[in-house]
């Protein structure tokens, strides 16, 4: 079970994708979680496609958050 305000990092130094993402999900009054990682979208993918793929990835590991509300989502190029 996810504890309130839990923060988890899913990226490892060897898994660098073309984009960096942060996703916060909340079950109001019960739990919240933030995860981040890297992702390389397929050619022709939209931001919505990336969001759906990332959310599905996160909720596959945390099925209790499948019906959670998205509080924050960011997807940016993974270069400085």
C-alpha atoms as a PDB file:
ATOM      1  CA  UNK A   1       0.000   0.000   0.000  1.00  0.00           C
ATOM      2  CA  UNK A   2       1.239   3.459  -0.772  1.00  0.00           C
ATOM      3  CA  UNK A   3       1.764   5.676   2.216  1.00  0.00           C
ATOM      4  CA  UNK A   4       0.596   9.299   2.187  1.00  0.00           C
ATOM      5  CA  UNK A   5       3.004  11.561   0.318  1.00  0.00           C
ATOM      6  CA  UNK A   6       5.342   8.706  -0.652  1.00  0.00           C
ATOM      7  CA  UNK A   7       8.024   9.606  -3.171  1.00  0.00           C
ATOM      8  CA  UNK A   8       9.647   7.018  -5.393  1.00  0.00           C
ATOM      9  CA  UNK A   9      12.285   7.334  -8.072  1.00  0.00           C
ATOM     10  CA  UNK A  10      12.074   4.832 -10.916  1.00  0.00           C
ATOM     11  CA  UNK A  11      14.985   5.981 -13.064  1.00  0.00           C
ATOM     12  CA  UNK A  12      18.442   4.524 -12.765  1.00  0.00           C
ATOM     13  CA  UNK A  13      21.649   6.154 -14.002  1.00  0.00           C
ATOM     14  CA  UNK A  14      21.799   3.676 -16.897  1.00  0.00           C
ATOM     15  CA  UNK A  15      18.213   4.227 -18.087  1.00  0.00           C
ATOM     16  CA  UNK A  16      18.387   7.624 -19.785  1.00  0.00           C
ATOM     17  CA  UNK A  17      15.576   8.235 -22.246  1.00  0.00           C
ATOM     18  CA  UNK A  18      15.060  11.193 -24.522  1.00  0.00           C
ATOM     19  CA  UNK A  19      12.580  12.754 -22.056  1.00  0.00           C
ATOM     20  CA  UNK A  20      12.376  13.153 -18.268  1.00  0.00           C
ATOM     21  CA  UNK A  21       8.968  12.856 -16.572  1.00  0.00           C
ATOM     22  CA  UNK A  22       7.394  13.508 -13.165  1.00  0.00           C
ATOM     23  CA  UNK A  23       3.938  12.208 -12.238  1.00  0.00           C
ATOM     24  CA  UNK A  24       2.021  12.805  -9.002  1.00  0.00           C
ATOM     25  CA  UNK A  25      -1.123  10.791  -8.314  1.00  0.00           C
ATOM     26  CA  UNK A  26      -3.498  11.257  -5.388  1.00  0.00           C
ATOM     27  CA  UNK A  27      -6.340   9.360  -3.801  1.00  0.00           C
ATOM     28  CA  UNK A  28      -7.830  12.304  -1.869  1.00  0.00           C
ATOM     29  CA  UNK A  29      -7.615  11.813   1.878  1.00  0.00           C
ATOM     30  CA  UNK A  30      -5.951   8.430   1.501  1.00  0.00           C
ATOM     31  CA  UNK A  31      -2.630   8.475  -0.361  1.00  0.00           C
ATOM     32  CA  UNK A  32      -0.421  10.391  -2.744  1.00  0.00           C
ATOM     33  CA  UNK A  33       2.674   9.403  -4.637  1.00  0.00           C
ATOM     34  CA  UNK A  34       5.207  11.027  -6.929  1.00  0.00           C
ATOM     35  CA  UNK A  35       7.386   9.101  -9.339  1.00  0.00           C
ATOM     36  CA  UNK A  36       9.859  10.191 -11.977  1.00  0.00           C
ATOM     37  CA  UNK A  37      11.931   8.620 -14.668  1.00  0.00           C
ATOM     38  CA  UNK A  38      13.023   8.793 -18.263  1.00  0.00           C
ATOM     39  CA  UNK A  39      11.120   7.803 -21.376  1.00  0.00           C
ATOM     40  CA  UNK A  40      11.728   7.654 -25.100  1.00  0.00           C
ATOM     41  CA  UNK A  41       8.415   7.954 -26.952  1.00  0.00           C
ATOM     42  CA  UNK A  42       7.892   6.124 -30.228  1.00  0.00           C
ATOM     43  CA  UNK A  43       8.075   8.150 -33.442  1.00  0.00           C
ATOM     44  CA  UNK A  44       4.854  10.090 -33.993  1.00  0.00           C
ATOM     45  CA  UNK A  45       3.705   9.837 -30.366  1.00  0.00           C
ATOM     46  CA  UNK A  46       1.885  12.778 -28.822  1.00  0.00           C
ATOM     47  CA  UNK A  47       2.264  14.197 -25.328  1.00  0.00           C
ATOM     48  CA  UNK A  48      -1.073  12.515 -24.480  1.00  0.00           C
ATOM     49  CA  UNK A  49       0.285   9.162 -25.717  1.00  0.00           C
ATOM     50  CA  UNK A  50       3.343   9.592 -23.493  1.00  0.00           C
ATOM     51  CA  UNK A  51       1.166  10.520 -20.491  1.00  0.00           C
ATOM     52  CA  UNK A  52      -1.005   7.426 -20.993  1.00  0.00           C
ATOM     53  CA  UNK A  53       2.034   5.131 -21.326  1.00  0.00           C
ATOM     54  CA  UNK A  54       3.744   6.590 -18.255  1.00  0.00           C
ATOM     55  CA  UNK A  55       0.578   6.499 -16.127  1.00  0.00           C
ATOM     56  CA  UNK A  56      -0.002   2.879 -17.161  1.00  0.00           C
ATOM     57  CA  UNK A  57       3.605   2.048 -16.237  1.00  0.00           C
ATOM     58  CA  UNK A  58       3.205   3.628 -12.793  1.00  0.00           C
ATOM     59  CA  UNK A  59      -0.177   2.058 -12.014  1.00  0.00           C
ATOM     60  CA  UNK A  60       1.009  -1.379 -13.148  1.00  0.00           C
ATOM     61  CA  UNK A  61       3.460  -1.255 -10.236  1.00  0.00           C
ATOM     62  CA  UNK A  62       0.907   0.379  -7.904  1.00  0.00           C
ATOM     63  CA  UNK A  63      -2.552  -0.943  -8.881  1.00  0.00           C
ATOM     64  CA  UNK A  64      -4.140   0.746  -5.872  1.00  0.00           C
ATOM     65  CA  UNK A  65      -3.455   4.073  -7.639  1.00  0.00           C
ATOM     66  CA  UNK A  66      -5.236   3.143 -10.890  1.00  0.00           C
ATOM     67  CA  UNK A  67      -8.269   5.309 -10.035  1.00  0.00           C
ATOM     68  CA  UNK A  68      -6.172   8.139  -8.563  1.00  0.00           C
ATOM     69  CA  UNK A  69      -6.394  11.729  -9.725  1.00  0.00           C
ATOM     70  CA  UNK A  70      -3.405  13.152 -11.588  1.00  0.00           C
ATOM     71  CA  UNK A  71      -2.211  16.140  -9.574  1.00  0.00           C
ATOM     72  CA  UNK A  72       0.895  16.896 -11.628  1.00  0.00           C
ATOM     73  CA  UNK A  73       2.484  15.703 -14.848  1.00  0.00           C
ATOM     74  CA  UNK A  74       5.591  17.061 -16.543  1.00  0.00           C
ATOM     75  CA  UNK A  75       7.436  15.758 -19.591  1.00  0.00           C
ATOM     76  CA  UNK A  76      10.503  17.568 -20.884  1.00  0.00           C
ATOM     77  CA  UNK A  77      13.493  16.908 -23.089  1.00  0.00           C
ATOM     78  CA  UNK A  78      16.128  15.070 -21.076  1.00  0.00           C
ATOM     79  CA  UNK A  79      19.079  17.331 -21.883  1.00  0.00           C
ATOM     80  CA  UNK A  80      20.490  20.458 -20.335  1.00  0.00           C
END
